[in-house]
Amino acid sequence: AVDGPLGQVHGLRPDEVEYPGVAEHLPDVWVAVRSSLRLVLDGTTLQH
């Protein structure tokens, strides 16, 4: 609500990012990071 989507990379969703060459698999790491953020932040309520 205050900062926008979780886990963006240069304003893009991690699954939208593409890198050339040796960094081509780095977006997979960004997707995993976003997934872990979602696990914690979407699984934790104000009550918790």
All heavy atoms as atom14 arrays in JSON, in Angstrom:
{
  "sequence": "AVDGPLGQVHGLRPDEVEYPGVAEHLPDVWVAVRSSLRLVLDGTTLQH",
  "atom14_mask": [
    [1, 1, 1, 1, 1, 0, 0, 0, 0, 0, 0, 0, 0, 0],
    [1, 1, 1, 1, 1, 1, 1, 0, 0, 0, 0, 0, 0, 0],
    [1, 1, 1, 1, 1, 1, 1, 1, 0, 0, 0, 0, 0, 0],
    [1, 1, 1, 1, 0, 0, 0, 0, 0, 0, 0, 0, 0, 0],
    [1, 1, 1, 1, 1, 1, 1, 0, 0, 0, 0, 0, 0, 0],
    [1, 1, 1, 1, 1, 1, 1, 1, 0, 0, 0, 0, 0, 0],
    [1, 1, 1, 1, 0, 0, 0, 0, 0, 0, 0, 0, 0, 0],
    [1, 1, 1, 1, 1, 1, 1, 1, 1, 0, 0, 0, 0, 0],
    [1, 1, 1, 1, 1, 1, 1, 0, 0, 0, 0, 0, 0, 0],
    [1, 1, 1, 1, 1, 1, 1, 1, 1, 1, 0, 0, 0, 0],
    [1, 1, 1, 1, 0, 0, 0, 0, 0, 0, 0, 0, 0, 0],
    [1, 1, 1, 1, 1, 1, 1, 1, 0, 0, 0, 0, 0, 0],
    [1, 1, 1, 1, 1, 1, 1, 1, 1, 1, 1, 0, 0, 0],
    [1, 1, 1, 1, 1, 1, 1, 0, 0, 0, 0, 0, 0, 0],
    [1, 1, 1, 1, 1, 1, 1, 1, 0, 0, 0, 0, 0, 0],
    [1, 1, 1, 1, 1, 1, 1, 1, 1, 0, 0, 0, 0, 0],
    [1, 1, 1, 1, 1, 1, 1, 0, 0, 0, 0, 0, 0, 0],
    [1, 1, 1, 1, 1, 1, 1, 1, 1, 0, 0, 0, 0, 0],
    [1, 1, 1, 1, 1, 1, 1, 1, 1, 1, 1, 1, 0, 0],
    [1, 1, 1, 1, 1, 1, 1, 0, 0, 0, 0, 0, 0, 0],
    [1, 1, 1, 1, 0, 0, 0, 0, 0, 0, 0, 0, 0, 0],
    [1, 1, 1, 1, 1, 1, 1, 0, 0, 0, 0, 0, 0, 0],
    [1, 1, 1, 1, 1, 0, 0, 0, 0, 0, 0, 0, 0, 0],
    [1, 1, 1, 1, 1, 1, 1, 1, 1, 0, 0, 0, 0, 0],
    [1, 1, 1, 1, 1, 1, 1, 1, 1, 1, 0, 0, 0, 0],
    [1, 1, 1, 1, 1, 1, 1, 1, 0, 0, 0, 0, 0, 0],
    [1, 1, 1, 1, 1, 1, 1, 0, 0, 0, 0, 0, 0, 0],
    [1, 1, 1, 1, 1, 1, 1, 1, 0, 0, 0, 0, 0, 0],
    [1, 1, 1, 1, 1, 1, 1, 0, 0, 0, 0, 0, 0, 0],
    [1, 1, 1, 1, 1, 1, 1, 1, 1, 1, 1, 1, 1, 1],
    [1, 1, 1, 1, 1, 1, 1, 0, 0, 0, 0, 0, 0, 0],
    [1, 1, 1, 1, 1, 0, 0, 0, 0, 0, 0, 0, 0, 0],
    [1, 1, 1, 1, 1, 1, 1, 0, 0, 0, 0, 0, 0, 0],
    [1, 1, 1, 1, 1, 1, 1, 1, 1, 1, 1, 0, 0, 0],
    [1, 1, 1, 1, 1, 1, 0, 0, 0, 0, 0, 0, 0, 0],
    [1, 1, 1, 1, 1, 1, 0, 0, 0, 0, 0, 0, 0, 0],
    [1, 1, 1, 1, 1, 1, 1, 1, 0, 0, 0, 0, 0, 0],
    [1, 1, 1, 1, 1, 1, 1, 1, 1, 1, 1, 0, 0, 0],
    [1, 1, 1, 1, 1, 1, 1, 1, 0, 0, 0, 0, 0, 0],
    [1, 1, 1, 1, 1, 1, 1, 0, 0, 0, 0, 0, 0, 0],
    [1, 1, 1, 1, 1, 1, 1, 1, 0, 0, 0, 0, 0, 0],
    [1, 1, 1, 1, 1, 1, 1, 1, 0, 0, 0, 0, 0, 0],
    [1, 1, 1, 1, 0, 0, 0, 0, 0, 0, 0, 0, 0, 0],
    [1, 1, 1, 1, 1, 1, 1, 0, 0, 0, 0, 0, 0, 0],
    [1, 1, 1, 1, 1, 1, 1, 0, 0, 0, 0, 0, 0, 0],
    [1, 1, 1, 1, 1, 1, 1, 1, 0, 0, 0, 0, 0, 0],
    [1, 1, 1, 1, 1, 1, 1, 1, 1, 0, 0, 0, 0, 0],
    [1, 1, 1, 1, 1, 1, 1, 1, 1, 1, 0, 0, 0, 0]
  ],
  "atom14_positions": [
    [[0.82, -1.22, 0.0], [0.0, 0.0, 0.0], [0.85, 1.26, 0.0], [0.48, 2.26, -0.61], [-0.94, 0.0, 1.21], [0.0, 0.0, 0.0], [0.0, 0.0, 0.0], [0.0, 0.0, 0.0], [0.0, 0.0, 0.0], [0.0, 0.0, 0.0], [0.0, 0.0, 0.0], [0.0, 0.0, 0.0], [0.0, 0.0, 0.0], [0.0, 0.0, 0.0]],
    [[2.0, 1.21, 0.67], [2.8, 2.43, 0.78], [4.03, 2.46, -0.12], [4.51, 3.53, -0.48], [3.23, 2.71, 2.25], [2.01, 2.93, 3.13], [4.13, 1.63, 2.81], [0.0, 0.0, 0.0], [0.0, 0.0, 0.0], [0.0, 0.0, 0.0], [0.0, 0.0, 0.0], [0.0, 0.0, 0.0], [0.0, 0.0, 0.0], [0.0, 0.0, 0.0]],
    [[4.53, 1.27, -0.51], [5.76, 1.22, -1.3], [5.64, 0.46, -2.61], [6.61, 0.37, -3.36], [6.9, 0.59, -0.49], [7.61, 1.58, 0.42], [7.54, 2.79, 0.13], [8.22, 1.14, 1.41], [0.0, 0.0, 0.0], [0.0, 0.0, 0.0], [0.0, 0.0, 0.0], [0.0, 0.0, 0.0], [0.0, 0.0, 0.0], [0.0, 0.0, 0.0]],
    [[4.5, -0.13, -2.88], [4.33, -0.87, -4.13], [4.72, -2.33, -3.99], [4.91, -2.83, -2.88], [0.0, 0.0, 0.0], [0.0, 0.0, 0.0], [0.0, 0.0, 0.0], [0.0, 0.0, 0.0], [0.0, 0.0, 0.0], [0.0, 0.0, 0.0], [0.0, 0.0, 0.0], [0.0, 0.0, 0.0], [0.0, 0.0, 0.0], [0.0, 0.0, 0.0]],
    [[4.85, -3.01, -5.11], [5.08, -4.46, -5.1], [6.35, -4.87, -4.36], [7.33, -4.14, -4.3], [5.22, -4.81, -6.59], [4.55, -3.7, -7.31], [4.73, -2.47, -6.47], [0.0, 0.0, 0.0], [0.0, 0.0, 0.0], [0.0, 0.0, 0.0], [0.0, 0.0, 0.0], [0.0, 0.0, 0.0], [0.0, 0.0, 0.0], [0.0, 0.0, 0.0]],
    [[6.3, -6.08, -3.82], [7.46, -6.65, -3.14], [8.46, -7.16, -4.17], [8.08, -7.71, -5.19], [7.03, -7.84, -2.27], [6.06, -7.57, -1.15], [5.69, -8.88, -0.46], [6.61, -6.58, -0.16], [0.0, 0.0, 0.0], [0.0, 0.0, 0.0], [0.0, 0.0, 0.0], [0.0, 0.0, 0.0], [0.0, 0.0, 0.0], [0.0, 0.0, 0.0]],
    [[9.72, -7.01, -3.89], [10.76, -7.67, -4.66], [10.91, -7.24, -6.1], [11.15, -8.09, -6.96], [0.0, 0.0, 0.0], [0.0, 0.0, 0.0], [0.0, 0.0, 0.0], [0.0, 0.0, 0.0], [0.0, 0.0, 0.0], [0.0, 0.0, 0.0], [0.0, 0.0, 0.0], [0.0, 0.0, 0.0], [0.0, 0.0, 0.0], [0.0, 0.0, 0.0]],
    [[10.8, -5.97, -6.4], [11.02, -5.53, -7.77], [12.51, -5.39, -8.06], [13.31, -5.14, -7.15], [10.35, -4.18, -8.01], [8.84, -4.26, -8.09], [8.28, -2.96, -8.59], [8.78, -1.88, -8.28], [7.23, -3.04, -9.37], [0.0, 0.0, 0.0], [0.0, 0.0, 0.0], [0.0, 0.0, 0.0], [0.0, 0.0, 0.0], [0.0, 0.0, 0.0]],
    [[12.86, -5.53, -9.33], [14.23, -5.33, -9.8], [14.16, -4.26, -10.87], [13.59, -4.47, -11.94], [14.82, -6.64, -10.38], [16.24, -6.41, -10.86], [14.76, -7.76, -9.36], [0.0, 0.0, 0.0], [0.0, 0.0, 0.0], [0.0, 0.0, 0.0], [0.0, 0.0, 0.0], [0.0, 0.0, 0.0], [0.0, 0.0, 0.0], [0.0, 0.0, 0.0]],
    [[14.68, -3.09, -10.58], [14.64, -1.96, -11.52], [13.21, -1.69, -11.99], [12.97, -1.41, -13.16], [15.55, -2.21, -12.73], [16.97, -2.44, -12.39], [17.8, -1.44, -11.95], [17.72, -3.57, -12.4], [19.0, -1.93, -11.7], [18.99, -3.22, -11.97], [0.0, 0.0, 0.0], [0.0, 0.0, 0.0], [0.0, 0.0, 0.0], [0.0, 0.0, 0.0]],
    [[12.25, -1.79, -11.06], [10.86, -1.5, -11.39], [10.12, -2.61, -12.11], [8.98, -2.44, -12.52], [0.0, 0.0, 0.0], [0.0, 0.0, 0.0], [0.0, 0.0, 0.0], [0.0, 0.0, 0.0], [0.0, 0.0, 0.0], [0.0, 0.0, 0.0], [0.0, 0.0, 0.0], [0.0, 0.0, 0.0], [0.0, 0.0, 0.0], [0.0, 0.0, 0.0]],
    [[10.75, -3.76, -12.29], [10.12, -4.9, -12.96], [9.93, -6.05, -11.98], [10.66, -6.18, -11.01], [11.01, -5.4, -14.11], [11.29, -4.44, -15.25], [12.35, -5.03, -16.18], [10.02, -4.13, -16.02], [0.0, 0.0, 0.0], [0.0, 0.0, 0.0], [0.0, 0.0, 0.0], [0.0, 0.0, 0.0], [0.0, 0.0, 0.0], [0.0, 0.0, 0.0]],
    [[8.93, -6.9, -12.28], [8.79, -8.13, -11.52], [10.01, -9.0, -11.8], [10.54, -8.99, -12.92], [7.51, -8.88, -11.92], [6.25, -8.14, -11.56], [5.0, -8.99, -11.8], [5.16, -10.05, -12.77], [4.48, -10.16, -13.91], [3.57, -9.28, -14.23], [4.68, -11.18, -14.71], [0.0, 0.0, 0.0], [0.0, 0.0, 0.0], [0.0, 0.0, 0.0]],
    [[10.49, -9.76, -10.83], [11.68, -10.58, -11.04], [11.57, -11.52, -12.24], [12.56, -11.76, -12.92], [11.82, -11.36, -9.74], [11.16, -10.51, -8.72], [10.03, -9.83, -9.44], [0.0, 0.0, 0.0], [0.0, 0.0, 0.0], [0.0, 0.0, 0.0], [0.0, 0.0, 0.0], [0.0, 0.0, 0.0], [0.0, 0.0, 0.0], [0.0, 0.0, 0.0]],
    [[10.37, -12.05, -12.51], [10.21, -12.96, -13.64], [10.21, -12.25, -14.98], [10.23, -12.9, -16.02], [8.94, -13.81, -13.47], [7.71, -12.95, -13.26], [7.67, -12.18, -12.28], [6.78, -13.05, -14.07], [0.0, 0.0, 0.0], [0.0, 0.0, 0.0], [0.0, 0.0, 0.0], [0.0, 0.0, 0.0], [0.0, 0.0, 0.0], [0.0, 0.0, 0.0]],
    [[10.2, -10.92, -14.98], [10.26, -10.14, -16.22], [11.68, -9.71, -16.57], [11.93, -9.21, -17.67], [9.39, -8.88, -16.1], [7.92, -9.14, -15.94], [7.13, -7.86, -15.71], [7.66, -6.9, -15.11], [5.96, -7.85, -16.12], [0.0, 0.0, 0.0], [0.0, 0.0, 0.0], [0.0, 0.0, 0.0], [0.0, 0.0, 0.0], [0.0, 0.0, 0.0]],
    [[12.61, -9.91, -15.65], [13.99, -9.46, -15.84], [14.74, -10.49, -16.68], [14.61, -11.7, -16.5], [14.68, -9.29, -14.47], [16.14, -8.92, -14.64], [13.96, -8.24, -13.63], [0.0, 0.0, 0.0], [0.0, 0.0, 0.0], [0.0, 0.0, 0.0], [0.0, 0.0, 0.0], [0.0, 0.0, 0.0], [0.0, 0.0, 0.0], [0.0, 0.0, 0.0]],
    [[15.53, -9.98, -17.61], [16.4, -10.85, -18.42], [17.79, -10.23, -18.48], [17.93, -9.03, -18.66], [15.86, -10.98, -19.85], [14.56, -11.75, -19.94], [14.09, -11.91, -21.38], [14.92, -11.79, -22.31], [12.88, -12.14, -21.56], [0.0, 0.0, 0.0], [0.0, 0.0, 0.0], [0.0, 0.0, 0.0], [0.0, 0.0, 0.0], [0.0, 0.0, 0.0]],
    [[18.78, -11.08, -18.27], [20.17, -10.64, -18.34], [20.9, -11.48, -19.38], [20.62, -12.66, -19.54], [20.88, -10.82, -16.99], [20.29, -10.02, -15.85], [19.93, -10.65, -14.67], [20.1, -8.65, -15.93], [19.42, -9.93, -13.6], [19.58, -7.93, -14.88], [19.24, -8.57, -13.72], [18.74, -7.86, -12.67], [0.0, 0.0, 0.0], [0.0, 0.0, 0.0]],
    [[21.9, -10.89, -20.02], [22.68, -11.66, -20.99], [23.84, -12.4, -20.34], [24.27, -12.07, -19.24], [23.21, -10.56, -21.93], [23.36, -9.36, -21.05], [22.23, -9.46, -20.04], [0.0, 0.0, 0.0], [0.0, 0.0, 0.0], [0.0, 0.0, 0.0], [0.0, 0.0, 0.0], [0.0, 0.0, 0.0], [0.0, 0.0, 0.0], [0.0, 0.0, 0.0]],
    [[24.31, -13.38, -21.01], [25.57, -14.06, -20.65], [25.57, -14.68, -19.28], [24.62, -15.34, -18.87], [0.0, 0.0, 0.0], [0.0, 0.0, 0.0], [0.0, 0.0, 0.0], [0.0, 0.0, 0.0], [0.0, 0.0, 0.0], [0.0, 0.0, 0.0], [0.0, 0.0, 0.0], [0.0, 0.0, 0.0], [0.0, 0.0, 0.0], [0.0, 0.0, 0.0]],
    [[26.66, -14.43, -18.56], [26.89, -15.09, -17.28], [25.83, -14.77, -16.23], [25.68, -15.5, -15.26], [28.28, -14.77, -16.72], [29.37, -15.3, -17.62], [28.44, -13.28, -16.46], [0.0, 0.0, 0.0], [0.0, 0.0, 0.0], [0.0, 0.0, 0.0], [0.0, 0.0, 0.0], [0.0, 0.0, 0.0], [0.0, 0.0, 0.0], [0.0, 0.0, 0.0]],
    [[25.07, -13.72, -16.4], [24.04, -13.33, -15.42], [22.65, -13.84, -15.79], [21.68, -13.52, -15.13], [24.01, -11.81, -15.29], [0.0, 0.0, 0.0], [0.0, 0.0, 0.0], [0.0, 0.0, 0.0], [0.0, 0.0, 0.0], [0.0, 0.0, 0.0], [0.0, 0.0, 0.0], [0.0, 0.0, 0.0], [0.0, 0.0, 0.0], [0.0, 0.0, 0.0]],
    [[22.57, -14.68, -16.83], [21.24, -15.09, -17.32], [20.39, -15.8, -16.28], [19.17, -15.76, -16.36], [21.37, -15.95, -18.58], [21.86, -17.37, -18.33], [21.87, -18.21, -19.58], [20.83, -18.32, -20.25], [22.95, -18.75, -19.89], [0.0, 0.0, 0.0], [0.0, 0.0, 0.0], [0.0, 0.0, 0.0], [0.0, 0.0, 0.0], [0.0, 0.0, 0.0]],
    [[21.0, -16.46, -15.3], [20.23, -17.2, -14.3], [19.94, -16.38, -13.03], [19.22, -16.84, -12.15], [20.94, -18.5, -13.93], [21.13, -19.38, -15.12], [20.08, -19.99, -15.76], [22.25, -19.72, -15.8], [20.54, -20.68, -16.79], [21.85, -20.54, -16.83], [0.0, 0.0, 0.0], [0.0, 0.0, 0.0], [0.0, 0.0, 0.0], [0.0, 0.0, 0.0]],
    [[20.47, -15.18, -12.96], [20.27, -14.32, -11.8], [18.78, -14.02, -11.54], [18.36, -14.01, -10.37], [21.08, -13.03, -11.93], [21.19, -12.16, -10.69], [21.72, -12.94, -9.49], [22.08, -10.97, -11.0], [0.0, 0.0, 0.0], [0.0, 0.0, 0.0], [0.0, 0.0, 0.0], [0.0, 0.0, 0.0], [0.0, 0.0, 0.0], [0.0, 0.0, 0.0]],
    [[17.94, -13.82, -12.55], [16.52, -13.59, -12.26], [15.86, -14.73, -11.46], [14.92, -14.48, -10.71], [15.89, -13.45, -13.65], [17.0, -12.9, -14.48], [18.23, -13.6, -13.97], [0.0, 0.0, 0.0], [0.0, 0.0, 0.0], [0.0, 0.0, 0.0], [0.0, 0.0, 0.0], [0.0, 0.0, 0.0], [0.0, 0.0, 0.0], [0.0, 0.0, 0.0]],
    [[16.38, -15.95, -11.59], [15.85, -17.05, -10.79], [16.08, -16.8, -9.3], [15.24, -17.13, -8.46], [16.5, -18.38, -11.2], [16.14, -18.81, -12.6], [15.07, -18.37, -13.11], [16.92, -19.58, -13.2], [0.0, 0.0, 0.0], [0.0, 0.0, 0.0], [0.0, 0.0, 0.0], [0.0, 0.0, 0.0], [0.0, 0.0, 0.0], [0.0, 0.0, 0.0]],
    [[17.22, -16.2, -8.98], [17.5, -15.85, -7.59], [16.54, -14.77, -7.13], [15.99, -14.82, -6.03], [18.97, -15.38, -7.42], [19.23, -14.9, -6.0], [19.92, -16.5, -7.82], [0.0, 0.0, 0.0], [0.0, 0.0, 0.0], [0.0, 0.0, 0.0], [0.0, 0.0, 0.0], [0.0, 0.0, 0.0], [0.0, 0.0, 0.0], [0.0, 0.0, 0.0]],
    [[16.3, -13.76, -7.98], [15.37, -12.67, -7.61], [13.96, -13.22, -7.4], [13.25, -12.77, -6.5], [15.36, -11.57, -8.66], [16.68, -10.91, -8.95], [17.03, -10.3, -10.12], [17.82, -10.74, -8.1], [18.3, -9.79, -10.04], [18.81, -10.06, -8.81], [18.1, -11.14, -6.79], [20.04, -9.73, -8.26], [19.33, -10.83, -6.25], [20.29, -10.13, -6.98]],
    [[13.54, -14.19, -8.19], [12.23, -14.82, -8.0], [12.18, -15.52, -6.64], [11.18, -15.43, -5.91], [11.89, -15.79, -9.15], [10.68, -16.64, -8.82], [11.67, -15.02, -10.45], [0.0, 0.0, 0.0], [0.0, 0.0, 0.0], [0.0, 0.0, 0.0], [0.0, 0.0, 0.0], [0.0, 0.0, 0.0], [0.0, 0.0, 0.0], [0.0, 0.0, 0.0]],
    [[13.25, -16.22, -6.29], [13.31, -16.91, -4.99], [13.27, -15.92, -3.83], [12.61, -16.16, -2.81], [14.56, -17.79, -4.91], [0.0, 0.0, 0.0], [0.0, 0.0, 0.0], [0.0, 0.0, 0.0], [0.0, 0.0, 0.0], [0.0, 0.0, 0.0], [0.0, 0.0, 0.0], [0.0, 0.0, 0.0], [0.0, 0.0, 0.0], [0.0, 0.0, 0.0]],
    [[13.96, -14.79, -3.99], [13.94, -13.76, -2.95], [12.52, -13.23, -2.78], [12.02, -13.12, -1.65], [14.92, -12.61, -3.3], [14.69, -11.4, -2.39], [16.35, -13.08, -3.21], [0.0, 0.0, 0.0], [0.0, 0.0, 0.0], [0.0, 0.0, 0.0], [0.0, 0.0, 0.0], [0.0, 0.0, 0.0], [0.0, 0.0, 0.0], [0.0, 0.0, 0.0]],
    [[11.84, -12.93, -3.89], [10.46, -12.45, -3.8], [9.58, -13.5, -3.13], [8.73, -13.16, -2.3], [9.91, -12.1, -5.18], [8.46, -11.58, -5.11], [7.88, -11.27, -6.46], [7.82, -12.49, -7.26], [7.42, -12.52, -8.53], [7.08, -11.41, -9.14], [7.39, -13.65, -9.19], [0.0, 0.0, 0.0], [0.0, 0.0, 0.0], [0.0, 0.0, 0.0]],
    [[9.78, -14.75, -3.47], [8.99, -15.83, -2.88], [9.18, -15.89, -1.36], [8.22, -16.06, -0.61], [9.37, -17.16, -3.52], [8.62, -18.2, -2.98], [0.0, 0.0, 0.0], [0.0, 0.0, 0.0], [0.0, 0.0, 0.0], [0.0, 0.0, 0.0], [0.0, 0.0, 0.0], [0.0, 0.0, 0.0], [0.0, 0.0, 0.0], [0.0, 0.0, 0.0]],
    [[10.42, -15.72, -0.9], [10.66, -15.75, 0.54], [10.05, -14.53, 1.23], [9.52, -14.63, 2.33], [12.15, -15.87, 0.85], [12.85, -14.73, 0.47], [0.0, 0.0, 0.0], [0.0, 0.0, 0.0], [0.0, 0.0, 0.0], [0.0, 0.0, 0.0], [0.0, 0.0, 0.0], [0.0, 0.0, 0.0], [0.0, 0.0, 0.0], [0.0, 0.0, 0.0]],
    [[10.1, -13.38, 0.55], [9.45, -12.18, 1.1], [7.95, -12.42, 1.25], [7.34, -12.08, 2.27], [9.68, -10.97, 0.19], [11.08, -10.4, 0.15], [11.17, -9.31, -0.91], [11.48, -9.86, 1.51], [0.0, 0.0, 0.0], [0.0, 0.0, 0.0], [0.0, 0.0, 0.0], [0.0, 0.0, 0.0], [0.0, 0.0, 0.0], [0.0, 0.0, 0.0]],
    [[7.35, -12.99, 0.21], [5.91, -13.27, 0.27], [5.58, -14.25, 1.39], [4.58, -14.08, 2.09], [5.44, -13.85, -1.07], [5.35, -12.83, -2.17], [4.96, -13.52, -3.46], [4.69, -12.56, -4.52], [4.48, -12.91, -5.77], [4.5, -14.19, -6.13], [4.24, -11.99, -6.68], [0.0, 0.0, 0.0], [0.0, 0.0, 0.0], [0.0, 0.0, 0.0]],
    [[6.39, -15.28, 1.55], [6.16, -16.26, 2.61], [6.07, -15.57, 3.96], [5.16, -15.8, 4.74], [7.26, -17.32, 2.62], [7.2, -18.31, 3.79], [6.03, -19.27, 3.6], [8.5, -19.08, 3.91], [0.0, 0.0, 0.0], [0.0, 0.0, 0.0], [0.0, 0.0, 0.0], [0.0, 0.0, 0.0], [0.0, 0.0, 0.0], [0.0, 0.0, 0.0]],
    [[7.01, -14.7, 4.23], [7.06, -14.03, 5.53], [6.01, -12.92, 5.62], [5.2, -12.89, 6.55], [8.47, -13.46, 5.8], [8.47, -12.61, 7.07], [9.48, -14.59, 5.9], [0.0, 0.0, 0.0], [0.0, 0.0, 0.0], [0.0, 0.0, 0.0], [0.0, 0.0, 0.0], [0.0, 0.0, 0.0], [0.0, 0.0, 0.0], [0.0, 0.0, 0.0]],
    [[6.01, -12.01, 4.67], [5.18, -10.81, 4.78], [3.7, -11.06, 4.49], [2.84, -10.41, 5.08], [5.72, -9.71, 3.88], [7.13, -9.24, 4.24], [7.66, -8.28, 3.2], [7.16, -8.63, 5.64], [0.0, 0.0, 0.0], [0.0, 0.0, 0.0], [0.0, 0.0, 0.0], [0.0, 0.0, 0.0], [0.0, 0.0, 0.0], [0.0, 0.0, 0.0]],
    [[3.39, -11.99, 3.61], [1.98, -12.31, 3.35], [1.46, -13.38, 4.29], [0.26, -13.64, 4.36], [1.77, -12.75, 1.89], [1.98, -11.61, 0.91], [1.86, -10.43, 1.33], [2.25, -11.89, -0.27], [0.0, 0.0, 0.0], [0.0, 0.0, 0.0], [0.0, 0.0, 0.0], [0.0, 0.0, 0.0], [0.0, 0.0, 0.0], [0.0, 0.0, 0.0]],
    [[2.36, -14.01, 5.03], [1.96, -15.02, 6.0], [1.89, -14.48, 7.42], [1.52, -15.2, 8.34], [0.0, 0.0, 0.0], [0.0, 0.0, 0.0], [0.0, 0.0, 0.0], [0.0, 0.0, 0.0], [0.0, 0.0, 0.0], [0.0, 0.0, 0.0], [0.0, 0.0, 0.0], [0.0, 0.0, 0.0], [0.0, 0.0, 0.0], [0.0, 0.0, 0.0]],
    [[2.29, -13.23, 7.61], [2.31, -12.62, 8.93], [1.29, -11.48, 8.97], [1.34, -10.58, 8.14], [3.71, -12.09, 9.28], [4.66, -13.14, 9.13], [3.76, -11.55, 10.69], [0.0, 0.0, 0.0], [0.0, 0.0, 0.0], [0.0, 0.0, 0.0], [0.0, 0.0, 0.0], [0.0, 0.0, 0.0], [0.0, 0.0, 0.0], [0.0, 0.0, 0.0]],
    [[0.38, -11.55, 9.94], [-0.67, -10.53, 10.07], [-0.33, -9.56, 11.2], [0.59, -9.8, 11.99], [-2.02, -11.19, 10.38], [-1.95, -11.79, 11.69], [-2.42, -12.22, 9.33], [0.0, 0.0, 0.0], [0.0, 0.0, 0.0], [0.0, 0.0, 0.0], [0.0, 0.0, 0.0], [0.0, 0.0, 0.0], [0.0, 0.0, 0.0], [0.0, 0.0, 0.0]],
    [[-1.12, -8.5, 11.26], [-0.97, -7.57, 12.38], [-1.18, -8.29, 13.7], [-0.48, -8.03, 14.68], [-1.97, -6.41, 12.24], [-1.69, -5.42, 11.12], [-2.84, -4.42, 11.02], [-0.37, -4.69, 11.35], [0.0, 0.0, 0.0], [0.0, 0.0, 0.0], [0.0, 0.0, 0.0], [0.0, 0.0, 0.0], [0.0, 0.0, 0.0], [0.0, 0.0, 0.0]],
    [[-2.13, -9.23, 13.73], [-2.39, -9.98, 14.97], [-1.16, -10.78, 15.38], [-0.82, -10.81, 16.56], [-3.6, -10.9, 14.79], [-4.05, -11.55, 16.08], [-4.56, -10.53, 17.09], [-5.17, -9.52, 16.74], [-4.3, -10.78, 18.35], [0.0, 0.0, 0.0], [0.0, 0.0, 0.0], [0.0, 0.0, 0.0], [0.0, 0.0, 0.0], [0.0, 0.0, 0.0]],
    [[-0.5, -11.42, 14.43], [0.73, -12.15, 14.74], [1.77, -11.2, 15.36], [2.42, -11.53, 16.35], [1.34, -12.77, 13.49], [0.57, -13.89, 12.9], [0.2, -13.91, 11.58], [0.09, -15.04, 13.44], [-0.46, -15.03, 11.33], [-0.55, -15.72, 12.45], [0.0, 0.0, 0.0], [0.0, 0.0, 0.0], [0.0, 0.0, 0.0], [0.0, 0.0, 0.0]]
  ]
}
